[in-house]
N, C-alpha and C. Protein backbone atom coordinates (compact mmCIF):
# COMPACT_ATOMS: atom_id res chain seq x y z
N MET A 1 -7.98 25.91 21.93
CA MET A 1 -7.63 26.43 20.37
C MET A 1 -7.77 25.26 19.40
N PRO A 2 -8.48 25.18 18.26
CA PRO A 2 -8.81 24.17 17.42
C PRO A 2 -7.32 23.69 16.80
N SER A 3 -7.07 22.40 16.60
CA SER A 3 -6.00 21.69 15.94
C SER A 3 -6.30 21.30 14.67
N LYS A 4 -5.27 21.42 13.80
CA LYS A 4 -5.01 21.09 12.57
C LYS A 4 -5.38 19.42 12.08
N LYS A 5 -6.16 19.32 11.23
CA LYS A 5 -6.18 18.05 11.13
C LYS A 5 -5.84 17.73 9.48
N CYS A 6 -5.87 16.68 8.70
CA CYS A 6 -5.72 16.29 7.74
C CYS A 6 -6.92 15.10 7.34
N LEU A 7 -7.59 15.73 6.08
CA LEU A 7 -8.64 14.93 5.96
C LEU A 7 -8.52 14.20 4.31
N HIS A 8 -8.38 13.20 4.29
CA HIS A 8 -8.09 12.41 3.12
C HIS A 8 -9.53 12.07 2.67
N LEU A 9 -9.42 12.42 1.20
CA LEU A 9 -10.77 11.84 0.42
C LEU A 9 -10.35 11.29 -0.52
N TYR A 10 -11.37 10.19 -1.14
CA TYR A 10 -11.41 9.64 -2.27
C TYR A 10 -12.60 9.51 -2.97
N TYR A 11 -13.00 10.17 -4.23
CA TYR A 11 -14.09 10.25 -4.61
C TYR A 11 -13.97 9.23 -6.02
N SER A 12 -15.09 8.34 -6.37
CA SER A 12 -15.11 7.69 -7.59
C SER A 12 -16.42 8.02 -8.26
N GLY A 13 -16.36 7.53 -9.75
CA GLY A 13 -17.82 8.04 -10.61
C GLY A 13 -17.42 8.62 -11.55
N ARG A 14 -18.02 9.59 -12.41
CA ARG A 14 -17.44 10.11 -13.38
C ARG A 14 -16.86 11.68 -13.07
N VAL A 15 -15.52 11.32 -12.19
CA VAL A 15 -15.09 12.66 -11.60
C VAL A 15 -13.79 13.09 -12.52
N GLN A 16 -13.52 12.55 -13.25
CA GLN A 16 -12.04 13.02 -13.91
C GLN A 16 -12.74 13.42 -15.42
N GLY A 17 -11.72 14.94 -15.95
CA GLY A 17 -12.44 15.40 -17.05
C GLY A 17 -13.41 16.35 -17.05
N VAL A 18 -14.00 16.70 -15.82
CA VAL A 18 -15.29 17.33 -15.40
C VAL A 18 -14.83 18.80 -14.50
N GLY A 19 -13.58 18.83 -14.51
CA GLY A 19 -13.23 20.13 -13.75
C GLY A 19 -13.05 19.87 -12.05
N PHE A 20 -13.22 18.62 -11.60
CA PHE A 20 -13.08 18.22 -10.42
C PHE A 20 -11.83 18.87 -9.65
N ARG A 21 -10.82 18.51 -10.32
CA ARG A 21 -9.43 18.80 -9.53
C ARG A 21 -9.61 20.80 -9.43
N TYR A 22 -9.94 21.17 -10.24
CA TYR A 22 -10.08 22.71 -10.47
C TYR A 22 -10.85 23.33 -9.78
N THR A 23 -12.10 22.48 -9.18
CA THR A 23 -12.90 22.98 -8.20
C THR A 23 -12.52 22.76 -6.76
N ALA A 24 -11.76 21.66 -6.65
CA ALA A 24 -11.25 21.46 -5.43
C ALA A 24 -10.26 22.65 -4.82
N GLN A 25 -9.22 22.76 -6.13
CA GLN A 25 -8.43 23.81 -5.61
C GLN A 25 -8.95 25.21 -5.55
N GLU A 26 -10.00 25.46 -6.23
CA GLU A 26 -10.75 26.70 -6.02
C GLU A 26 -11.36 26.91 -4.72
N VAL A 27 -12.10 25.92 -4.01
CA VAL A 27 -12.79 25.72 -2.82
C VAL A 27 -11.88 25.82 -1.90
N ALA A 28 -10.54 25.11 -1.84
CA ALA A 28 -9.37 25.03 -1.10
C ALA A 28 -8.92 26.38 -0.77
N SER A 29 -8.66 27.13 -1.76
CA SER A 29 -7.86 28.15 -1.50
C SER A 29 -8.93 29.22 -1.17
N MET A 30 -10.16 29.40 -1.22
CA MET A 30 -11.09 29.99 -0.86
C MET A 30 -11.03 29.91 0.77
N LEU A 31 -10.83 28.65 1.36
CA LEU A 31 -11.10 28.59 2.68
C LEU A 31 -9.90 28.52 3.46
N GLY A 32 -8.69 28.70 2.67
CA GLY A 32 -7.37 28.62 3.18
C GLY A 32 -6.98 27.24 3.80
N ILE A 33 -7.12 26.14 2.76
CA ILE A 33 -6.98 24.79 3.04
C ILE A 33 -5.72 24.68 2.29
N THR A 34 -4.74 23.61 2.76
CA THR A 34 -3.51 23.45 2.19
C THR A 34 -3.62 21.93 1.82
N GLY A 35 -2.85 21.55 0.74
CA GLY A 35 -2.94 20.08 0.33
C GLY A 35 -2.78 19.85 -1.01
N TRP A 36 -3.43 18.90 -1.65
CA TRP A 36 -3.48 18.60 -2.81
C TRP A 36 -4.51 17.69 -3.47
N VAL A 37 -4.83 17.83 -4.86
CA VAL A 37 -5.80 17.01 -5.47
C VAL A 37 -5.23 16.27 -6.62
N LYS A 38 -5.64 15.07 -7.02
CA LYS A 38 -4.86 14.29 -8.06
C LYS A 38 -5.71 13.30 -8.64
N ASN A 39 -5.76 13.38 -9.78
CA ASN A 39 -6.74 12.12 -10.70
C ASN A 39 -5.79 10.69 -10.20
N SER A 40 -6.49 9.73 -10.09
CA SER A 40 -6.16 8.27 -9.79
C SER A 40 -6.07 7.62 -11.05
N PRO A 41 -5.29 6.38 -10.84
CA PRO A 41 -5.18 5.81 -12.51
C PRO A 41 -6.28 5.02 -12.57
N ASP A 42 -7.03 4.75 -11.52
CA ASP A 42 -8.56 3.86 -11.75
C ASP A 42 -9.74 4.80 -11.93
N GLY A 43 -9.49 6.09 -12.17
CA GLY A 43 -10.49 6.91 -12.75
C GLY A 43 -11.12 7.51 -11.61
N GLY A 44 -10.54 7.42 -10.38
CA GLY A 44 -11.14 8.41 -9.21
C GLY A 44 -10.52 9.64 -9.15
N VAL A 45 -10.58 10.31 -8.06
CA VAL A 45 -9.70 11.62 -7.64
C VAL A 45 -9.59 11.23 -6.05
N GLU A 46 -8.36 11.58 -5.90
CA GLU A 46 -7.91 11.70 -4.59
C GLU A 46 -7.47 13.01 -3.90
N VAL A 47 -7.85 13.44 -2.52
CA VAL A 47 -7.61 14.62 -2.05
C VAL A 47 -7.10 14.71 -0.73
N VAL A 48 -5.92 15.35 -0.45
CA VAL A 48 -5.39 15.44 0.68
C VAL A 48 -5.57 17.00 1.39
N ALA A 49 -6.39 17.26 2.33
CA ALA A 49 -6.54 18.48 2.89
C ALA A 49 -6.40 18.82 4.20
N GLU A 50 -5.59 19.52 4.45
CA GLU A 50 -5.18 20.33 5.77
C GLU A 50 -5.83 21.63 6.18
N GLY A 51 -6.27 21.47 7.45
CA GLY A 51 -6.70 22.81 8.19
C GLY A 51 -7.58 22.35 9.32
N GLU A 52 -8.35 23.36 9.96
CA GLU A 52 -9.10 23.20 11.07
C GLU A 52 -10.19 22.20 10.44
N GLU A 53 -10.51 21.35 11.40
CA GLU A 53 -11.68 20.23 11.40
C GLU A 53 -12.73 20.93 10.49
N GLU A 54 -13.11 21.97 11.21
CA GLU A 54 -14.63 22.47 10.74
C GLU A 54 -14.51 23.01 9.57
N THR A 55 -13.44 23.71 8.90
CA THR A 55 -13.18 24.54 7.87
C THR A 55 -12.83 23.16 7.02
N LEU A 56 -12.32 21.81 7.10
CA LEU A 56 -12.49 20.67 6.41
C LEU A 56 -13.73 20.28 6.18
N ARG A 57 -14.49 20.09 7.07
CA ARG A 57 -15.81 19.58 7.08
C ARG A 57 -16.29 20.29 5.81
N HIS A 58 -16.58 21.70 6.06
CA HIS A 58 -17.09 22.62 5.07
C HIS A 58 -16.50 22.48 3.78
N PHE A 59 -15.42 22.26 3.46
CA PHE A 59 -14.58 21.99 2.23
C PHE A 59 -15.33 20.83 1.74
N GLU A 60 -15.46 19.82 2.28
CA GLU A 60 -16.26 18.56 2.08
C GLU A 60 -17.43 18.87 1.44
N THR A 61 -18.05 19.46 2.14
CA THR A 61 -19.62 19.85 2.17
C THR A 61 -19.91 20.50 0.72
N ILE A 62 -19.07 21.51 0.36
CA ILE A 62 -19.07 22.63 -0.74
C ILE A 62 -18.81 21.39 -1.85
N LEU A 63 -17.70 20.86 -1.72
CA LEU A 63 -17.16 20.17 -2.99
C LEU A 63 -18.22 18.98 -3.13
N ALA A 64 -19.00 18.48 -2.25
CA ALA A 64 -19.90 17.54 -2.59
C ALA A 64 -21.27 18.19 -3.33
N GLN A 65 -21.63 19.49 -3.08
CA GLN A 65 -22.69 20.25 -3.53
C GLN A 65 -22.32 20.43 -4.98
N LYS A 66 -21.16 20.92 -5.27
CA LYS A 66 -20.91 21.36 -6.47
C LYS A 66 -20.69 20.17 -7.54
N MET A 67 -19.96 18.90 -7.06
CA MET A 67 -19.88 18.17 -7.66
C MET A 67 -20.65 16.86 -7.79
N SER A 68 -21.70 16.89 -7.00
CA SER A 68 -22.59 15.76 -6.55
C SER A 68 -22.98 14.96 -8.30
N TYR A 69 -23.17 15.47 -8.94
CA TYR A 69 -23.66 14.84 -10.40
C TYR A 69 -22.75 14.00 -10.92
N TYR A 70 -21.30 14.15 -10.36
CA TYR A 70 -20.37 13.38 -10.81
C TYR A 70 -19.84 12.35 -9.91
N ILE A 71 -20.27 12.25 -8.71
CA ILE A 71 -19.59 11.45 -7.60
C ILE A 71 -20.81 10.51 -7.44
N THR A 72 -20.27 9.25 -7.44
CA THR A 72 -21.10 8.06 -7.03
C THR A 72 -20.52 7.29 -5.66
N GLU A 73 -19.35 7.34 -5.38
CA GLU A 73 -18.81 7.05 -4.09
C GLU A 73 -17.92 7.93 -3.49
N LYS A 74 -17.85 8.18 -2.20
CA LYS A 74 -16.90 8.74 -1.51
C LYS A 74 -16.51 7.98 -0.04
N GLN A 75 -15.12 8.28 -0.01
CA GLN A 75 -14.64 7.65 1.43
C GLN A 75 -13.71 8.68 1.90
N SER A 76 -13.88 9.02 3.10
CA SER A 76 -13.39 9.86 3.93
C SER A 76 -12.57 9.48 5.09
N ASN A 77 -11.54 10.03 5.59
CA ASN A 77 -11.20 9.76 7.00
C ASN A 77 -10.14 10.79 7.46
N PHE A 78 -10.35 11.35 8.71
CA PHE A 78 -9.46 12.26 9.12
C PHE A 78 -8.41 11.81 9.70
N GLU A 79 -7.08 12.54 9.72
CA GLU A 79 -5.80 11.73 10.13
C GLU A 79 -4.96 12.95 10.73
N PRO A 80 -4.02 12.61 11.37
CA PRO A 80 -3.25 14.02 12.07
C PRO A 80 -2.65 14.79 10.86
N ALA A 81 -2.44 15.90 11.12
CA ALA A 81 -1.87 16.66 10.18
C ALA A 81 -0.33 16.69 10.42
N THR A 82 0.08 16.98 8.98
CA THR A 82 1.68 16.81 9.03
C THR A 82 2.18 18.17 8.75
N GLY A 83 1.54 19.20 8.50
CA GLY A 83 2.02 20.60 8.43
C GLY A 83 2.91 20.91 7.48
N ILE A 84 3.21 20.02 6.53
CA ILE A 84 4.00 19.93 5.32
C ILE A 84 3.68 20.82 4.24
N PHE A 85 2.36 21.30 4.22
CA PHE A 85 1.82 21.78 2.98
C PHE A 85 1.76 23.35 2.99
N LYS A 86 2.23 24.10 2.32
CA LYS A 86 1.87 25.90 2.12
C LYS A 86 0.96 25.94 1.33
N SER A 87 0.41 25.31 0.78
CA SER A 87 -0.66 25.79 -0.24
C SER A 87 -1.62 24.65 -0.86
N PHE A 88 -2.19 24.96 -1.78
CA PHE A 88 -3.24 23.79 -2.32
C PHE A 88 -3.22 23.59 -3.56
N GLY A 89 -2.46 22.45 -4.37
CA GLY A 89 -2.16 22.60 -5.60
C GLY A 89 -2.50 21.02 -6.29
N ILE A 90 -2.83 21.17 -7.79
CA ILE A 90 -3.27 19.91 -8.34
C ILE A 90 -1.73 19.30 -8.80
N ARG A 91 -1.85 18.08 -8.31
CA ARG A 91 -0.65 16.93 -8.85
C ARG A 91 -1.24 16.32 -9.85
N TYR A 92 -0.08 16.27 -10.94
CA TYR A 92 -0.38 15.58 -11.96
C TYR A 92 0.37 14.16 -12.10
């Protein structure tokens, strides 16, 4: 049985003001992923997503495809899931 993971992503580039957070929320909801997305003070976007590892990798791929024009750099790492999220939301 696959175990849940937490994928922590950080995107930089022209990723604010282009619908990035709404796109992340839409894709996460479609895939049944929980967590959050928010703009960072330095102009980047941070994502914390929990789900099955394969689903998280798919989420990351879809997001990269949809937003590739705006992303110049991405950092990602897997961590143990916390299980504290009930849905995926935008944090302000």
